Amino acid sequence: MLAIFYHVIYFIGLPAILLYFYLKFRSQTEFINFFGALASKDSRENRARREQVEKKRRRLKVIFVLVLVAFLLSWHLVTSELVNIRMKGEIRYAATGIYAENPVVVSLGPTYNVENVVETIRNKEERWLPNQVEKVVDLDDLANFKGRIAVYRTYDQRYIITHTYLLPYPVVKCFGFQYVETDDGQLKIVKKDVRTIFYPFDPGTADDTAKLVG
């Protein structure tokens, strides 16, 4: 249910807000024009009604700005949550039908503390494989951008970093690789991938990063 809620906000939130207030503004404009025409007949009652509608219109403008700003400031948060939900509930196909599976063995975030995540990756080498990560993404450069970061390792040897930028427009950068262990115990990257996902595309497709298929 939470995933559905986030999808509705992500895909329909902005169009719904703009359409709702557009219709409200258009309706009030029609009322103002109507009472303006009647006011020419020197009716105090009609002029008072027009002033009342104009007052409501000014109040509606303030509400519109507040709602729009609040939405834009939280849009990236909804986006990063959608990425996290999909990463931990990938869609699978089988002869018995479609099902969701959590392939994540261990993860960091999502969190706004990008610097702390980068430090954790470098300090816990055995778990977070900093040498392999640096072949795909510059960790120092990653820490220079404000946003919400998450790191995932999966049971099928995928390693994915997602960074949702702190912007009023949803932009997700995904870095990932898939690896195998060689006979001498070394880790070898067999595929790496970097992609950018932005609205109106589904941020859940971040789970495709570093897959060998497709």
C-alpha atoms as a PDB file:
ATOM      1  CA  MET A   1       0.000   0.000   0.000  1.00  0.00           C
ATOM      2  CA  LEU A   2       2.845   2.385   0.805  1.00  0.00           C
ATOM      3  CA  ALA A   3       4.372   1.790  -2.622  1.00  0.00           C
ATOM      4  CA  ILE A   4       1.041   2.611  -4.288  1.00  0.00           C
ATOM      5  CA  PHE A   5       0.762   5.796  -2.218  1.00  0.00           C
ATOM      6  CA  TYR A   6       4.270   6.919  -3.215  1.00  0.00           C
ATOM      7  CA  HIS A   7       3.618   6.083  -6.873  1.00  0.00           C
ATOM      8  CA  VAL A   8       0.466   8.216  -6.849  1.00  0.00           C
ATOM      9  CA  ILE A   9       2.364  11.154  -5.331  1.00  0.00           C
ATOM     10  CA  TYR A  10       5.308  10.754  -7.707  1.00  0.00           C
ATOM     11  CA  PHE A  11       3.381  10.400 -10.965  1.00  0.00           C
ATOM     12  CA  ILE A  12       0.139  12.281 -10.307  1.00  0.00           C
ATOM     13  CA  GLY A  13       1.005  14.731  -7.508  1.00  0.00           C
ATOM     14  CA  LEU A  14       2.222  17.681  -9.571  1.00  0.00           C
ATOM     15  CA  PRO A  15      -0.344  17.381 -12.407  1.00  0.00           C
ATOM     16  CA  ALA A  16      -3.146  17.021  -9.828  1.00  0.00           C
ATOM     17  CA  ILE A  17      -2.024  20.117  -7.908  1.00  0.00           C
ATOM     18  CA  LEU A  18      -1.713  22.219 -11.062  1.00  0.00           C
ATOM     19  CA  LEU A  19      -5.041  21.032 -12.481  1.00  0.00           C
ATOM     20  CA  TYR A  20      -6.928  21.551  -9.223  1.00  0.00           C
ATOM     21  CA  PHE A  21      -5.723  25.124  -8.718  1.00  0.00           C
ATOM     22  CA  TYR A  22      -6.124  25.949 -12.408  1.00  0.00           C
ATOM     23  CA  LEU A  23      -9.799  24.979 -12.228  1.00  0.00           C
ATOM     24  CA  LYS A  24     -10.265  26.910  -8.983  1.00  0.00           C
ATOM     25  CA  PHE A  25      -8.612  30.028 -10.425  1.00  0.00           C
ATOM     26  CA  ARG A  26     -10.658  29.795 -13.620  1.00  0.00           C
ATOM     27  CA  SER A  27     -13.889  29.425 -11.660  1.00  0.00           C
ATOM     28  CA  GLN A  28     -13.103  32.455  -9.493  1.00  0.00           C
ATOM     29  CA  THR A  29     -12.105  34.512 -12.537  1.00  0.00           C
ATOM     30  CA  GLU A  30     -15.485  33.788 -14.107  1.00  0.00           C
ATOM     31  CA  PHE A  31     -17.210  34.906 -10.899  1.00  0.00           C
ATOM     32  CA  ILE A  32     -15.150  38.100 -10.759  1.00  0.00           C
ATOM     33  CA  ASN A  33     -15.971  38.939 -14.379  1.00  0.00           C
ATOM     34  CA  PHE A  34     -19.645  38.192 -13.781  1.00  0.00           C
ATOM     35  CA  PHE A  35     -19.939  40.406 -10.713  1.00  0.00           C
ATOM     36  CA  GLY A  36     -17.796  43.039 -12.420  1.00  0.00           C
ATOM     37  CA  ALA A  37     -20.388  43.317 -15.160  1.00  0.00           C
ATOM     38  CA  LEU A  38     -23.166  43.590 -12.600  1.00  0.00           C
ATOM     39  CA  ALA A  39     -21.230  46.181 -10.620  1.00  0.00           C
ATOM     40  CA  SER A  40     -21.512  48.542 -13.587  1.00  0.00           C
ATOM     41  CA  LYS A  41     -25.167  48.811 -12.635  1.00  0.00           C
ATOM     42  CA  ASP A  42     -24.068  50.473  -9.382  1.00  0.00           C
ATOM     43  CA  SER A  43     -25.183  47.631  -7.123  1.00  0.00           C
ATOM     44  CA  ARG A  44     -23.484  47.707  -3.731  1.00  0.00           C
ATOM     45  CA  GLU A  45     -24.381  44.074  -3.198  1.00  0.00           C
ATOM     46  CA  ASN A  46     -22.756  43.009  -6.477  1.00  0.00           C
ATOM     47  CA  ARG A  47     -19.610  45.010  -5.753  1.00  0.00           C
ATOM     48  CA  ALA A  48     -19.396  43.445  -2.304  1.00  0.00           C
ATOM     49  CA  ARG A  49     -19.721  39.961  -3.789  1.00  0.00           C
ATOM     50  CA  ARG A  50     -16.951  40.686  -6.278  1.00  0.00           C
ATOM     51  CA  GLU A  51     -14.648  41.950  -3.525  1.00  0.00           C
ATOM     52  CA  GLN A  52     -15.361  38.807  -1.528  1.00  0.00           C
ATOM     53  CA  VAL A  53     -14.439  36.571  -4.476  1.00  0.00           C
ATOM     54  CA  GLU A  54     -11.267  38.606  -5.122  1.00  0.00           C
ATOM     55  CA  LYS A  55     -10.303  38.166  -1.462  1.00  0.00           C
ATOM     56  CA  LYS A  56     -10.774  34.398  -1.780  1.00  0.00           C
ATOM     57  CA  ARG A  57      -8.690  34.448  -4.965  1.00  0.00           C
ATOM     58  CA  ARG A  58      -5.786  36.160  -3.182  1.00  0.00           C
ATOM     59  CA  ARG A  59      -6.017  33.615  -0.376  1.00  0.00           C
ATOM     60  CA  LEU A  60      -6.072  30.797  -2.917  1.00  0.00           C
ATOM     61  CA  LYS A  61      -2.867  32.123  -4.507  1.00  0.00           C
ATOM     62  CA  VAL A  62      -1.104  31.936  -1.147  1.00  0.00           C
ATOM     63  CA  ILE A  63      -2.370  28.389  -0.546  1.00  0.00           C
ATOM     64  CA  PHE A  64      -1.281  27.356  -4.036  1.00  0.00           C
ATOM     65  CA  VAL A  65       2.263  28.639  -3.482  1.00  0.00           C
ATOM     66  CA  LEU A  66       2.518  26.913  -0.089  1.00  0.00           C
ATOM     67  CA  VAL A  67       1.202  23.591  -1.400  1.00  0.00           C
ATOM     68  CA  LEU A  68       3.446  23.711  -4.478  1.00  0.00           C
ATOM     69  CA  VAL A  69       6.574  24.553  -2.458  1.00  0.00           C
ATOM     70  CA  ALA A  70       5.831  21.822   0.100  1.00  0.00           C
ATOM     71  CA  PHE A  71       5.365  19.291  -2.696  1.00  0.00           C
ATOM     72  CA  LEU A  72       8.531  20.262  -4.550  1.00  0.00           C
ATOM     73  CA  LEU A  73      10.578  20.126  -1.353  1.00  0.00           C
ATOM     74  CA  SER A  74       9.372  16.590  -0.605  1.00  0.00           C
ATOM     75  CA  TRP A  75       9.299  15.170  -4.146  1.00  0.00           C
ATOM     76  CA  HIS A  76      12.887  13.918  -3.959  1.00  0.00           C
ATOM     77  CA  LEU A  77      12.095  12.143  -0.661  1.00  0.00           C
ATOM     78  CA  VAL A  78       9.183  10.284  -2.249  1.00  0.00           C
ATOM     79  CA  THR A  79      11.437   9.403  -5.184  1.00  0.00           C
ATOM     80  CA  SER A  80      14.170   7.928  -2.991  1.00  0.00           C
ATOM     81  CA  GLU A  81      11.611   5.917  -1.031  1.00  0.00           C
ATOM     82  CA  LEU A  82      10.265   4.458  -4.270  1.00  0.00           C
ATOM     83  CA  VAL A  83      13.791   3.429  -5.244  1.00  0.00           C
ATOM     84  CA  ASN A  84      14.303   1.767  -1.854  1.00  0.00           C
ATOM     85  CA  ILE A  85      10.971  -0.073  -1.972  1.00  0.00           C
ATOM     86  CA  ARG A  86      11.682  -1.439  -5.440  1.00  0.00           C
ATOM     87  CA  MET A  87      15.244  -2.459  -4.550  1.00  0.00           C
ATOM     88  CA  LYS A  88      13.889  -4.507  -1.661  1.00  0.00           C
ATOM     89  CA  GLY A  89      10.973  -5.865  -3.646  1.00  0.00           C
ATOM     90  CA  GLU A  90      12.136  -6.568  -7.192  1.00  0.00           C
ATOM     91  CA  ILE A  91       9.563  -7.843  -9.638  1.00  0.00           C
ATOM     92  CA  ARG A  92      10.245 -11.417 -10.754  1.00  0.00           C
ATOM     93  CA  TYR A  93       8.607 -13.538 -13.420  1.00  0.00           C
ATOM     94  CA  ALA A  94       8.066 -17.276 -13.154  1.00  0.00           C
ATOM     95  CA  ALA A  95       5.868 -19.959 -14.651  1.00  0.00           C
ATOM     96  CA  THR A  96       3.537 -19.552 -11.681  1.00  0.00           C
ATOM     97  CA  GLY A  97       3.168 -15.801 -12.267  1.00  0.00           C
ATOM     98  CA  ILE A  98       4.638 -12.477 -11.163  1.00  0.00           C
ATOM     99  CA  TYR A  99       5.964 -12.002  -7.633  1.00  0.00           C
ATOM    100  CA  ALA A 100       8.137  -9.631  -5.592  1.00  0.00           C
ATOM    101  CA  GLU A 101      11.422 -10.719  -4.079  1.00  0.00           C
ATOM    102  CA  ASN A 102      13.919  -8.990  -1.819  1.00  0.00           C
ATOM    103  CA  PRO A 103      17.409  -9.634  -3.241  1.00  0.00           C
ATOM    104  CA  VAL A 104      19.185  -7.284  -0.812  1.00  0.00           C
ATOM    105  CA  VAL A 105      21.550  -8.962   1.629  1.00  0.00           C
ATOM    106  CA  VAL A 106      22.889  -5.802   3.270  1.00  0.00           C
ATOM    107  CA  SER A 107      22.306  -2.097   2.739  1.00  0.00           C
ATOM    108  CA  LEU A 108      23.115   1.425   3.905  1.00  0.00           C
ATOM    109  CA  GLY A 109      20.475   4.152   3.962  1.00  0.00           C
ATOM    110  CA  PRO A 110      18.657   5.734   2.379  1.00  0.00           C
ATOM    111  CA  THR A 111      20.076   8.715   4.251  1.00  0.00           C
ATOM    112  CA  TYR A 112      20.998  12.351   3.705  1.00  0.00           C
ATOM    113  CA  ASN A 113      24.375  11.764   5.367  1.00  0.00           C
ATOM    114  CA  VAL A 114      26.317  11.052   2.185  1.00  0.00           C
ATOM    115  CA  GLU A 115      29.692  11.707   3.832  1.00  0.00           C
ATOM    116  CA  ASN A 116      29.045   9.100   6.524  1.00  0.00           C
ATOM    117  CA  VAL A 117      28.063   6.472   3.946  1.00  0.00           C
ATOM    118  CA  VAL A 118      31.202   7.149   1.915  1.00  0.00           C
ATOM    119  CA  GLU A 119      33.292   6.830   5.074  1.00  0.00           C
ATOM    120  CA  THR A 120      31.592   3.536   5.971  1.00  0.00           C
ATOM    121  CA  ILE A 121      32.284   2.123   2.509  1.00  0.00           C
ATOM    122  CA  ARG A 122      35.968   2.974   2.819  1.00  0.00           C
ATOM    123  CA  ASN A 123      36.405   1.806   6.401  1.00  0.00           C
ATOM    124  CA  LYS A 124      34.641  -1.553   6.111  1.00  0.00           C
ATOM    125  CA  GLU A 125      36.444  -2.934   3.097  1.00  0.00           C
ATOM    126  CA  GLU A 126      35.354  -6.562   3.369  1.00  0.00           C
ATOM    127  CA  ARG A 127      31.662  -5.706   3.390  1.00  0.00           C
ATOM    128  CA  TRP A 128      31.501  -2.644   1.147  1.00  0.00           C
ATOM    129  CA  LEU A 129      34.300  -3.327  -1.394  1.00  0.00           C
ATOM    130  CA  PRO A 130      35.656   0.227  -1.829  1.00  0.00           C
ATOM    131  CA  ASN A 131      38.259  -0.838  -4.409  1.00  0.00           C
ATOM    132  CA  GLN A 132      35.559  -2.193  -6.718  1.00  0.00           C
ATOM    133  CA  VAL A 133      33.255   0.741  -6.058  1.00  0.00           C
ATOM    134  CA  GLU A 134      35.934   3.238  -7.094  1.00  0.00           C
ATOM    135  CA  LYS A 135      36.064   1.575 -10.513  1.00  0.00           C
ATOM    136  CA  VAL A 136      32.473   2.657 -11.098  1.00  0.00           C
ATOM    137  CA  VAL A 137      31.999   5.915  -9.166  1.00  0.00           C
ATOM    138  CA  ASP A 138      34.208   8.602  -7.662  1.00  0.00           C
ATOM    139  CA  LEU A 139      33.192   8.546  -3.988  1.00  0.00           C
ATOM    140  CA  ASP A 140      34.736  11.961  -3.300  1.00  0.00           C
ATOM    141  CA  ASP A 141      32.728  13.470  -6.137  1.00  0.00           C
ATOM    142  CA  LEU A 142      29.576  11.719  -4.903  1.00  0.00           C
ATOM    143  CA  ALA A 143      29.930  13.336  -1.488  1.00  0.00           C
ATOM    144  CA  ASN A 144      30.010  16.809  -3.066  1.00  0.00           C
ATOM    145  CA  PHE A 145      26.336  16.704  -4.018  1.00  0.00           C
ATOM    146  CA  LYS A 146      23.508  17.083  -1.538  1.00  0.00           C
ATOM    147  CA  GLY A 147      20.915  14.377  -1.665  1.00  0.00           C
ATOM    148  CA  ARG A 148      19.746  11.031  -0.321  1.00  0.00           C
ATOM    149  CA  ILE A 149      22.044   8.074  -0.805  1.00  0.00           C
ATOM    150  CA  ALA A 150      21.507   4.338  -0.457  1.00  0.00           C
ATOM    151  CA  VAL A 151      23.844   1.391  -1.030  1.00  0.00           C
ATOM    152  CA  TYR A 152      22.810  -2.207  -1.679  1.00  0.00           C
ATOM    153  CA  ARG A 153      24.506  -5.576  -2.062  1.00  0.00           C
ATOM    154  CA  THR A 154      22.372  -8.428  -3.338  1.00  0.00           C
ATOM    155  CA  TYR A 155      22.559 -12.203  -3.131  1.00  0.00           C
ATOM    156  CA  ASP A 156      23.260 -12.393  -6.881  1.00  0.00           C
ATOM    157  CA  GLN A 157      26.482 -10.352  -6.546  1.00  0.00           C
ATOM    158  CA  ARG A 158      25.115  -6.981  -7.560  1.00  0.00           C
ATOM    159  CA  TYR A 159      26.288  -3.801  -5.885  1.00  0.00           C
ATOM    160  CA  ILE A 160      24.178  -0.680  -6.424  1.00  0.00           C
ATOM    161  CA  ILE A 161      24.478   2.902  -5.187  1.00  0.00           C
ATOM    162  CA  THR A 162      21.561   5.280  -5.689  1.00  0.00           C
ATOM    163  CA  HIS A 163      21.786   9.009  -5.135  1.00  0.00           C
ATOM    164  CA  THR A 164      18.594  11.079  -5.269  1.00  0.00           C
ATOM    165  CA  TYR A 165      19.578  14.714  -5.670  1.00  0.00           C
ATOM    166  CA  LEU A 166      18.195  17.347  -3.323  1.00  0.00           C
ATOM    167  CA  LEU A 167      16.313  19.180  -6.066  1.00  0.00           C
ATOM    168  CA  PRO A 168      12.705  20.292  -6.647  1.00  0.00           C
ATOM    169  CA  TYR A 169      12.661  17.945  -9.649  1.00  0.00           C
ATOM    170  CA  PRO A 170      13.256  14.176  -9.205  1.00  0.00           C
ATOM    171  CA  VAL A 171      16.680  13.062 -10.453  1.00  0.00           C
ATOM    172  CA  VAL A 172      18.248   9.753  -9.397  1.00  0.00           C
ATOM    173  CA  LYS A 173      21.779   8.725 -10.313  1.00  0.00           C
ATOM    174  CA  CYS A 174      22.443   4.985 -10.158  1.00  0.00           C
ATOM    175  CA  PHE A 175      25.871   3.353 -10.098  1.00  0.00           C
ATOM    176  CA  GLY A 176      26.244  -0.389 -10.061  1.00  0.00           C
ATOM    177  CA  PHE A 177      28.247  -3.420 -10.958  1.00  0.00           C
ATOM    178  CA  GLN A 178      27.942  -7.177 -10.884  1.00  0.00           C
ATOM    179  CA  TYR A 179      30.903  -9.261  -9.844  1.00  0.00           C
ATOM    180  CA  VAL A 180      32.154 -12.827  -9.557  1.00  0.00           C
ATOM    181  CA  GLU A 181      34.841 -14.399  -7.423  1.00  0.00           C
ATOM    182  CA  THR A 182      37.748 -15.843  -9.404  1.00  0.00           C
ATOM    183  CA  ASP A 183      39.545 -19.083  -8.597  1.00  0.00           C
ATOM    184  CA  ASP A 184      42.232 -17.222  -6.686  1.00  0.00           C
ATOM    185  CA  GLY A 185      39.660 -15.497  -4.465  1.00  0.00           C
ATOM    186  CA  GLN A 186      39.705 -12.117  -6.203  1.00  0.00           C
ATOM    187  CA  LEU A 187      36.588 -10.175  -7.119  1.00  0.00           C
ATOM    188  CA  LYS A 188      36.146  -9.451 -10.808  1.00  0.00           C
ATOM    189  CA  ILE A 189      33.581  -7.004 -12.204  1.00  0.00           C
ATOM    190  CA  VAL A 190      31.702  -8.644 -15.077  1.00  0.00           C
ATOM    191  CA  LYS A 191      29.337  -5.757 -15.760  1.00  0.00           C
ATOM    192  CA  LYS A 192      29.041  -2.151 -14.642  1.00  0.00           C
ATOM    193  CA  ASP A 193      26.348   0.377 -15.295  1.00  0.00           C
ATOM    194  CA  VAL A 194      25.643   4.064 -14.680  1.00  0.00           C
ATOM    195  CA  ARG A 195      22.248   5.551 -15.396  1.00  0.00           C
ATOM    196  CA  THR A 196      20.197   8.639 -14.610  1.00  0.00           C
ATOM    197  CA  ILE A 197      16.461   8.429 -13.940  1.00  0.00           C
ATOM    198  CA  PHE A 198      14.283  11.533 -13.919  1.00  0.00           C
ATOM    199  CA  TYR A 199      10.576  12.333 -13.890  1.00  0.00           C
ATOM    200  CA  PRO A 200       8.354  11.126 -15.508  1.00  0.00           C
ATOM    201  CA  PHE A 201      10.289   7.832 -15.686  1.00  0.00           C
ATOM    202  CA  ASP A 202       9.797   5.267 -12.922  1.00  0.00           C
ATOM    203  CA  PRO A 203      12.583   5.558 -10.294  1.00  0.00           C
ATOM    204  CA  GLY A 204      11.912   1.918  -9.437  1.00  0.00           C
ATOM    205  CA  THR A 205      13.845   0.922 -12.561  1.00  0.00           C
ATOM    206  CA  ALA A 206      16.998   1.610 -10.544  1.00  0.00           C
ATOM    207  CA  ASP A 207      16.919  -2.087  -9.668  1.00  0.00           C
ATOM    208  CA  ASP A 208      17.882  -2.844 -13.293  1.00  0.00           C
ATOM    209  CA  THR A 209      21.324  -1.348 -12.691  1.00  0.00           C
ATOM    210  CA  ALA A 210      24.169  -3.858 -13.201  1.00  0.00           C
ATOM    211  CA  LYS A 211      21.885  -6.709 -14.202  1.00  0.00           C
ATOM    212  CA  LEU A 212      23.373  -9.086 -16.747  1.00  0.00           C
ATOM    213  CA  VAL A 213      20.048  -9.381 -18.525  1.00  0.00           C
ATOM    214  CA  GLY A 214      18.501  -6.691 -20.692  1.00  0.00           C
END
